[in-house]
């Protein structure tokens, strides 16, 4: 007879490039996954949130992790990040961030440098243009609540945030009007105040980008509420709703990463799914419906990594729900 064995072995030195919007959860998860499988890690946190990662490394070393197994390397992506990705001794890269930076990492990691004896592996989660689809048989209050929570929670600064609301025309006006009503009730301000729903966006660069998209949105759709910002004492942007947006418009296709949601009208449920799949992303999505046949159809045809039924499109539960996407996500 013959005995065959399959062994999982450590790859070697890995690079973890973590995002600013989940400076602990994603940073810790991607780092520890590499460590417990026997690899050493070079951890480069996002430039905007370096301290959380530093304290994390400090805690692990206090708990007994040998020095040099986990290495904290802060700095800019263009300098430190590129160096780590290019180095011939790094074996794999785990990245969470934007589409453009992810593509750059894939391109650089594919190049073989002098002294390099392997092809590098890249695991990247690169963002989304996530949609909530509402059909004519939906619980309309649930639909409106789900859109508002998914679009404006964390100021829309989540790759899973709802930035597209695709509503079957029979109930379009009802859902849109209720979302506008709920959005106008949201309080923007100091997140330390328990009555505040939405705090500021991360920095001036993000503020400027989001406000630019809002100006684009004013040309591509009908501004229903919001559309204003104040960067005099922080980077605050009002939750913004656009209506009657063409599915191919920029604010329906490009990731904004802020508190902006665009509404578009679908002729029927099939058309709604067609619109939902009409982007280069495929991270999360949700369907609000009481029609079991429509839910099953969405299960087969809505091409996203995480698909939710009768709830919002954010909030995958760590340890219970895997998270990842298709295409450019």
Protein backbone atom coordinates (compact mmCIF):
# COMPACT_ATOMS: atom_id res chain seq x y z
CA UNK A 1 0.00 0.00 0.00
CA UNK A 2 0.87 3.67 -0.19
CA UNK A 3 0.46 6.40 2.40
CA UNK A 4 -0.09 9.98 1.24
CA UNK A 5 0.15 12.92 3.58
CA UNK A 6 -0.70 16.56 3.09
CA UNK A 7 1.04 19.07 5.34
CA UNK A 8 0.19 22.70 5.99
CA UNK A 9 3.41 24.58 6.70
CA UNK A 10 4.17 28.24 7.46
CA UNK A 11 5.03 30.37 4.44
CA UNK A 12 7.53 32.63 6.19
CA UNK A 13 7.51 36.40 6.49
CA UNK A 14 4.13 37.99 5.87
CA UNK A 15 3.12 41.62 5.45
CA UNK A 16 -0.12 42.87 7.00
CA UNK A 17 -1.34 46.27 5.79
CA UNK A 18 -4.41 47.16 7.86
CA UNK A 19 -7.06 49.88 7.38
CA UNK A 20 -7.96 52.93 9.46
CA UNK A 21 -11.70 52.32 9.64
CA UNK A 22 -11.34 49.12 11.70
CA UNK A 23 -7.98 49.88 13.33
CA UNK A 24 -8.25 47.07 15.87
CA UNK A 25 -10.60 44.36 14.59
CA UNK A 26 -9.20 43.88 11.09
CA UNK A 27 -5.62 44.60 12.13
CA UNK A 28 -5.80 42.04 14.95
CA UNK A 29 -7.62 39.40 12.92
CA UNK A 30 -5.32 39.45 9.92
CA UNK A 31 -2.20 39.61 12.08
CA UNK A 32 -3.13 36.79 14.45
CA UNK A 33 -4.25 34.54 11.59
CA UNK A 34 -0.73 34.71 10.18
CA UNK A 35 0.92 34.24 13.58
CA UNK A 36 -1.06 31.18 14.70
CA UNK A 37 -0.23 29.42 11.43
CA UNK A 38 3.46 29.78 12.21
CA UNK A 39 4.47 32.83 10.21
CA UNK A 40 6.28 35.98 11.27
CA UNK A 41 4.60 39.28 10.50
CA UNK A 42 5.58 42.78 9.44
CA UNK A 43 2.62 44.92 10.51
CA UNK A 44 2.14 48.24 8.75
CA UNK A 45 -1.02 49.89 10.06
CA UNK A 46 -2.83 52.68 8.25
CA UNK A 47 -1.04 56.00 8.59
CA UNK A 48 -4.10 57.58 10.24
CA UNK A 49 -4.36 54.99 13.04
CA UNK A 50 -0.88 53.77 14.07
CA UNK A 51 -1.23 53.85 17.87
CA UNK A 52 -3.79 51.03 18.17
CA UNK A 53 -1.45 48.69 16.31
CA UNK A 54 1.51 49.73 18.47
CA UNK A 55 -0.40 48.94 21.66
CA UNK A 56 -1.53 45.62 20.18
CA UNK A 57 2.06 44.57 19.50
CA UNK A 58 3.04 45.73 22.98
CA UNK A 59 0.30 43.60 24.58
CA UNK A 60 1.23 40.47 22.62
CA UNK A 61 4.88 40.80 23.58
CA UNK A 62 3.93 41.32 27.24
CA UNK A 63 1.90 38.10 26.95
CA UNK A 64 4.99 36.20 25.82
CA UNK A 65 5.21 36.52 22.06
CA UNK A 66 8.95 36.36 21.26
CA UNK A 67 10.56 39.55 20.02
CA UNK A 68 10.85 39.66 16.25
CA UNK A 69 7.87 37.42 15.55
CA UNK A 70 5.56 40.43 15.18
CA UNK A 71 7.21 43.62 13.99
CA UNK A 72 5.51 47.02 14.10
CA UNK A 73 6.48 49.12 11.07
CA UNK A 74 4.48 52.36 10.75
CA UNK A 75 4.83 54.74 7.86
CA UNK A 76 3.31 55.83 4.58
CA UNK A 77 2.06 53.31 2.07
CA UNK A 78 4.08 54.84 -0.74
CA UNK A 79 7.36 54.38 1.14
CA UNK A 80 7.09 51.71 3.81
CA UNK A 81 4.26 49.76 2.17
CA UNK A 82 5.96 49.55 -1.21
CA UNK A 83 9.25 48.51 0.39
CA UNK A 84 7.62 45.65 2.31
CA UNK A 85 5.63 44.44 -0.70
CA UNK A 86 8.69 44.54 -2.97
CA UNK A 87 11.22 42.96 -0.61
CA UNK A 88 12.45 39.58 -1.93
CA UNK A 89 12.19 37.94 1.50
CA UNK A 90 8.51 38.72 2.15
CA UNK A 91 6.29 35.82 1.17
CA UNK A 92 2.69 37.04 1.32
CA UNK A 93 0.67 40.22 1.76
CA UNK A 94 -2.66 40.64 3.57
CA UNK A 95 -4.23 43.97 2.65
CA UNK A 96 -7.49 45.71 3.50
CA UNK A 97 -8.16 49.05 1.87
CA UNK A 98 -9.10 50.78 -1.34
CA UNK A 99 -9.40 49.30 -4.81
CA UNK A 100 -6.62 51.47 -6.24
CA UNK A 101 -4.10 50.61 -3.52
CA UNK A 102 -5.05 46.93 -3.72
CA UNK A 103 -4.42 46.87 -7.46
CA UNK A 104 -1.07 48.57 -6.89
CA UNK A 105 -0.12 45.88 -4.35
CA UNK A 106 -1.12 43.07 -6.72
CA UNK A 107 0.97 44.62 -9.49
CA UNK A 108 4.06 45.10 -7.32
CA UNK A 109 3.77 41.70 -5.65
CA UNK A 110 3.66 39.99 -9.05
CA UNK A 111 7.16 41.22 -9.91
CA UNK A 112 10.04 38.88 -9.03
CA UNK A 113 13.01 40.76 -7.56
CA UNK A 114 16.67 39.62 -7.44
CA UNK A 115 17.12 36.97 -4.77
CA UNK A 116 13.41 36.11 -4.69
CA UNK A 117 12.66 32.38 -5.12
CA UNK A 118 8.85 32.38 -4.92
CA UNK A 119 5.76 34.02 -6.31
CA UNK A 120 4.09 36.06 -3.60
CA UNK A 121 0.54 35.51 -2.49
CA UNK A 122 -1.84 38.42 -1.98
CA UNK A 123 -5.06 38.40 0.02
CA UNK A 124 -6.88 41.68 -0.50
CA UNK A 125 -10.24 43.10 0.55
CA UNK A 126 -10.62 46.21 -1.53
CA UNK A 127 -13.98 47.84 -0.97
CA UNK A 128 -17.46 47.83 -2.39
CA UNK A 129 -20.39 49.63 -3.95
CA UNK A 130 -23.00 47.85 -1.93
CA UNK A 131 -26.71 47.82 -2.67
CA UNK A 132 -29.93 47.15 -0.82
CA UNK A 133 -32.67 45.87 -3.12
CA UNK A 134 -36.29 46.41 -2.11
CA UNK A 135 -39.11 44.63 -3.95
CA UNK A 136 -42.82 45.45 -4.01
CA UNK A 137 -43.64 42.80 -1.40
CA UNK A 138 -41.16 44.10 1.17
CA UNK A 139 -41.73 45.37 4.68
CA UNK A 140 -41.22 49.00 3.72
CA UNK A 141 -40.45 50.25 7.22
CA UNK A 142 -37.79 47.56 7.59
CA UNK A 143 -36.42 48.55 4.19
CA UNK A 144 -36.13 52.22 5.12
CA UNK A 145 -34.58 51.49 8.51
CA UNK A 146 -32.07 49.09 6.91
CA UNK A 147 -31.01 51.59 4.27
CA UNK A 148 -30.50 54.40 6.78
CA UNK A 149 -28.53 52.26 9.23
CA UNK A 150 -26.36 50.71 6.50
CA UNK A 151 -25.71 53.95 4.64
CA UNK A 152 -24.96 56.27 7.55
CA UNK A 153 -23.64 54.11 10.37
CA UNK A 154 -19.96 54.93 11.01
CA UNK A 155 -20.51 57.92 8.68
CA UNK A 156 -20.62 55.52 5.74
CA UNK A 157 -16.93 54.71 6.25
CA UNK A 158 -17.28 50.96 5.82
CA UNK A 159 -16.54 48.92 2.72
CA UNK A 160 -19.89 47.22 3.34
CA UNK A 161 -21.91 50.45 3.66
CA UNK A 162 -25.04 50.84 1.56
CA UNK A 163 -24.32 53.44 -1.10
CA UNK A 164 -27.00 52.26 -3.57
CA UNK A 165 -30.70 51.76 -2.88
CA UNK A 166 -32.42 49.91 -5.71
CA UNK A 167 -36.18 50.06 -5.30
CA UNK A 168 -38.86 48.42 -7.46
CA UNK A 169 -40.95 51.24 -8.93
CA UNK A 170 -44.21 50.15 -7.24
CA UNK A 171 -42.86 51.17 -3.81
CA UNK A 172 -40.09 53.58 -4.83
CA UNK A 173 -41.67 56.80 -3.59
CA UNK A 174 -42.78 55.27 -0.30
CA UNK A 175 -39.33 53.93 0.56
CA UNK A 176 -37.53 57.06 -0.63
CA UNK A 177 -39.76 59.41 1.35
CA UNK A 178 -39.45 57.34 4.51
CA UNK A 179 -35.64 57.19 4.20
CA UNK A 180 -35.52 60.97 3.78
CA UNK A 181 -37.76 61.39 6.83
CA UNK A 182 -35.56 59.12 8.96
CA UNK A 183 -32.36 60.70 7.68
CA UNK A 184 -33.49 64.18 8.67
CA UNK A 185 -33.89 62.92 12.24
CA UNK A 186 -30.25 61.82 12.54
CA UNK A 187 -27.99 63.88 14.78
CA UNK A 188 -24.49 64.65 13.53
CA UNK A 189 -21.87 65.74 16.06
CA UNK A 190 -19.60 64.61 18.85
CA UNK A 191 -19.70 60.78 19.00
CA UNK A 192 -19.02 60.96 22.75
CA UNK A 193 -22.57 62.30 23.08
CA UNK A 194 -24.89 59.29 23.33
CA UNK A 195 -27.59 61.07 21.32
CA UNK A 196 -25.28 61.48 18.33
CA UNK A 197 -25.85 59.04 15.48
CA UNK A 198 -23.03 60.13 13.18
CA UNK A 199 -19.62 61.59 13.92
CA UNK A 200 -17.06 63.13 11.56
CA UNK A 201 -15.24 61.47 8.70
CA UNK A 202 -11.60 60.53 9.25
CA UNK A 203 -9.64 63.51 7.88
CA UNK A 204 -9.49 66.46 5.51
CA UNK A 205 -8.66 64.33 2.50
CA UNK A 206 -11.70 62.11 3.04
CA UNK A 207 -13.89 65.17 3.65
CA UNK A 208 -12.75 66.78 0.40
CA UNK A 209 -13.31 63.61 -1.62
CA UNK A 210 -16.81 63.04 -0.24
CA UNK A 211 -17.82 66.66 -0.81
CA UNK A 212 -16.58 66.38 -4.41
CA UNK A 213 -18.83 63.36 -4.92
CA UNK A 214 -21.75 65.25 -3.42
CA UNK A 215 -21.24 67.98 -6.01
CA UNK A 216 -21.17 65.30 -8.71
CA UNK A 217 -24.35 63.85 -7.23
CA UNK A 218 -26.14 67.19 -7.50
CA UNK A 219 -25.63 66.95 -11.27
CA UNK A 220 -26.50 63.26 -11.53
CA UNK A 221 -29.56 63.07 -9.29
CA UNK A 222 -32.06 64.94 -7.16
CA UNK A 223 -30.74 66.01 -3.75
CA UNK A 224 -33.37 65.04 -1.18
CA UNK A 225 -31.56 65.87 2.05
CA UNK A 226 -28.07 66.64 3.31
CA UNK A 227 -25.37 67.66 0.88
CA UNK A 228 -23.66 70.03 3.30
CA UNK A 229 -20.40 69.80 5.24
CA UNK A 230 -18.49 71.70 7.91
CA UNK A 231 -14.75 71.24 8.35
CA UNK A 232 -14.19 74.19 10.68
CA UNK A 233 -14.03 72.02 13.84
CA UNK A 234 -13.66 68.50 12.56
CA UNK A 235 -14.80 66.95 9.30
CA UNK A 236 -18.57 66.72 9.53
CA UNK A 237 -20.82 65.88 6.58
CA UNK A 238 -24.60 65.72 6.72
CA UNK A 239 -26.09 62.33 5.74
CA UNK A 240 -27.00 62.75 2.10
CA UNK A 241 -29.69 61.14 -0.06
CA UNK A 242 -29.91 61.46 -3.84
CA UNK A 243 -32.95 60.28 -5.81
CA UNK A 244 -33.59 59.31 -9.43
CA UNK A 245 -29.97 58.46 -10.18
CA UNK A 246 -29.09 56.57 -13.36
CA UNK A 247 -27.54 53.15 -12.60
CA UNK A 248 -24.47 54.09 -14.65
CA UNK A 249 -23.90 57.44 -12.93
CA UNK A 250 -20.62 57.95 -11.11
CA UNK A 251 -22.24 58.05 -7.67
CA UNK A 252 -23.80 54.66 -8.49
CA UNK A 253 -20.53 53.16 -9.72
CA UNK A 254 -17.63 54.62 -7.71
CA UNK A 255 -16.90 54.00 -4.04
CA UNK A 256 -17.47 57.22 -2.08
CA UNK A 257 -16.73 55.95 1.44
CA UNK A 258 -18.90 58.48 3.15
CA UNK A 259 -22.50 59.21 4.22
CA UNK A 260 -24.03 59.29 0.74
CA UNK A 261 -26.69 56.97 -0.69
CA UNK A 262 -28.12 57.09 -4.21
CA UNK A 263 -31.61 55.83 -5.07
CA UNK A 264 -32.52 54.32 -8.41
CA UNK A 265 -35.79 52.87 -9.67
CA UNK A 266 -36.14 49.33 -11.05
CA UNK A 267 -38.98 48.13 -13.30
CA UNK A 268 -39.27 44.82 -11.45
CA UNK A 269 -37.25 42.47 -9.26
CA UNK A 270 -35.25 41.01 -12.16
CA UNK A 271 -34.29 44.50 -13.26
CA UNK A 272 -33.30 45.36 -9.68
CA UNK A 273 -30.87 42.42 -9.56
CA UNK A 274 -29.48 43.44 -12.94
CA UNK A 275 -28.76 46.92 -11.58
CA UNK A 276 -27.32 45.50 -8.36
CA UNK A 277 -24.76 43.47 -10.33
CA UNK A 278 -23.88 46.40 -12.58
CA UNK A 279 -20.66 47.52 -10.87
CA UNK A 280 -17.10 46.25 -10.75
CA UNK A 281 -17.53 45.42 -7.07
CA UNK A 282 -19.19 42.51 -5.29
CA UNK A 283 -18.72 42.76 -1.55
CA UNK A 284 -22.06 42.89 0.29
CA UNK A 285 -25.69 43.33 -0.55
CA UNK A 286 -29.14 42.92 0.94
CA UNK A 287 -32.62 42.09 -0.26
CA UNK A 288 -35.74 43.20 1.57
CA UNK A 289 -38.65 40.99 0.51
CA UNK A 290 -41.42 38.72 1.78
CA UNK A 291 -41.37 36.77 -1.49
CA UNK A 292 -39.48 33.50 -0.96
CA UNK A 293 -39.03 32.95 -4.70
CA UNK A 294 -37.37 36.34 -5.04
CA UNK A 295 -35.07 35.60 -2.11
CA UNK A 296 -34.02 32.31 -3.70
CA UNK A 297 -33.46 34.06 -7.02
CA UNK A 298 -31.26 36.63 -5.29
CA UNK A 299 -29.32 33.86 -3.57
CA UNK A 300 -28.37 32.52 -6.99
CA UNK A 301 -28.02 35.72 -9.01
CA UNK A 302 -26.94 38.57 -6.68
CA UNK A 303 -23.18 38.30 -7.05
CA UNK A 304 -21.71 39.40 -3.73
CA UNK A 305 -19.62 37.70 -1.09
CA UNK A 306 -22.02 38.50 1.76
CA UNK A 307 -25.72 38.59 0.96
CA UNK A 308 -28.24 39.46 3.67
CA UNK A 309 -32.01 38.96 3.64
CA UNK A 310 -34.41 41.32 5.40
CA UNK A 311 -31.73 43.32 7.19
CA UNK A 312 -29.03 45.84 6.32
CA UNK A 313 -25.91 45.05 4.31
CA UNK A 314 -23.39 45.75 7.09
CA UNK A 315 -22.36 44.05 10.30
CA UNK A 316 -20.98 40.58 9.57
CA UNK A 317 -20.52 38.88 12.93
CA UNK A 318 -16.93 37.84 13.62
CA UNK A 319 -16.69 34.11 14.24
CA UNK A 320 -20.06 33.37 12.66
CA UNK A 321 -20.14 34.98 9.23
CA UNK A 322 -17.18 34.84 6.85
CA UNK A 323 -16.48 38.09 5.04
CA UNK A 324 -15.15 38.71 1.56
CA UNK A 325 -16.22 39.65 -1.92
CA UNK A 326 -16.08 39.06 -5.65
CA UNK A 327 -14.55 41.01 -8.52
CA UNK A 328 -12.81 44.23 -7.42
CA UNK A 329 -13.84 43.70 -3.82
